[in-house]
């Protein structure tokens, strides 16, 4: 049972990671103020640590 719970937690974290990375990817892609290189940099960061870089991206825009 302990193994099942740990797999469920890992699966939930993975799904959250993917959803937040996708949200950031779409937001960055729609931003016309960024150059192609800047968009690619933010998209790569979104794939690695989407939660951390989402707030950094929002702070640079806000």
Protein backbone atom coordinates (compact mmCIF):
# COMPACT_ATOMS: atom_id res chain seq x y z
CA UNK A 1 0.00 0.00 0.00
CA UNK A 2 2.89 2.35 0.79
CA UNK A 3 4.28 1.79 -2.70
CA UNK A 4 0.94 2.65 -4.30
CA UNK A 5 0.70 5.90 -2.34
CA UNK A 6 4.23 6.92 -3.32
CA UNK A 7 3.49 6.19 -6.99
CA UNK A 8 0.31 8.26 -6.77
CA UNK A 9 2.22 11.21 -5.30
CA UNK A 10 4.91 10.97 -7.97
CA UNK A 11 2.25 10.75 -10.69
CA UNK A 12 0.42 13.81 -9.33
CA UNK A 13 3.68 15.77 -9.21
CA UNK A 14 4.49 14.76 -12.79
CA UNK A 15 1.04 15.79 -14.03
CA UNK A 16 1.33 19.14 -12.22
CA UNK A 17 4.77 19.69 -13.70
CA UNK A 18 3.50 19.00 -17.23
CA UNK A 19 0.43 21.21 -16.88
CA UNK A 20 2.39 24.17 -15.52
CA UNK A 21 5.11 23.77 -18.16
CA UNK A 22 2.43 23.73 -20.88
CA UNK A 23 0.76 26.82 -19.46
CA UNK A 24 4.04 28.71 -19.37
CA UNK A 25 4.95 27.48 -22.85
CA UNK A 26 1.66 28.82 -24.29
CA UNK A 27 1.99 32.14 -22.44
CA UNK A 28 5.56 32.71 -23.59
CA UNK A 29 4.73 31.69 -27.15
CA UNK A 30 1.91 34.25 -27.28
CA UNK A 31 4.12 37.09 -25.98
CA UNK A 32 4.98 39.26 -28.99
CA UNK A 33 7.40 41.48 -27.02
CA UNK A 34 10.01 38.69 -26.82
CA UNK A 35 12.50 37.77 -29.51
CA UNK A 36 12.78 34.21 -30.80
CA UNK A 37 15.87 33.59 -28.65
CA UNK A 38 14.16 34.92 -25.51
CA UNK A 39 11.08 32.79 -26.20
CA UNK A 40 13.23 29.69 -26.63
CA UNK A 41 15.12 30.44 -23.41
CA UNK A 42 11.90 30.78 -21.41
CA UNK A 43 10.43 27.66 -23.00
CA UNK A 44 13.52 25.63 -22.08
CA UNK A 45 13.35 26.93 -18.53
CA UNK A 46 9.67 25.95 -18.43
CA UNK A 47 10.59 22.36 -19.17
CA UNK A 48 13.13 22.20 -16.34
CA UNK A 49 11.56 24.06 -13.39
CA UNK A 50 8.17 25.43 -14.50
CA UNK A 51 6.97 26.62 -11.07
CA UNK A 52 10.08 28.61 -10.24
CA UNK A 53 10.49 30.18 -13.64
CA UNK A 54 6.75 30.93 -14.01
CA UNK A 55 7.00 33.39 -11.11
CA UNK A 56 10.26 34.83 -12.43
CA UNK A 57 8.64 35.35 -15.87
CA UNK A 58 5.60 37.02 -14.30
CA UNK A 59 7.85 39.33 -12.24
CA UNK A 60 9.76 40.43 -15.36
CA UNK A 61 6.46 41.18 -17.13
CA UNK A 62 4.72 42.81 -14.17
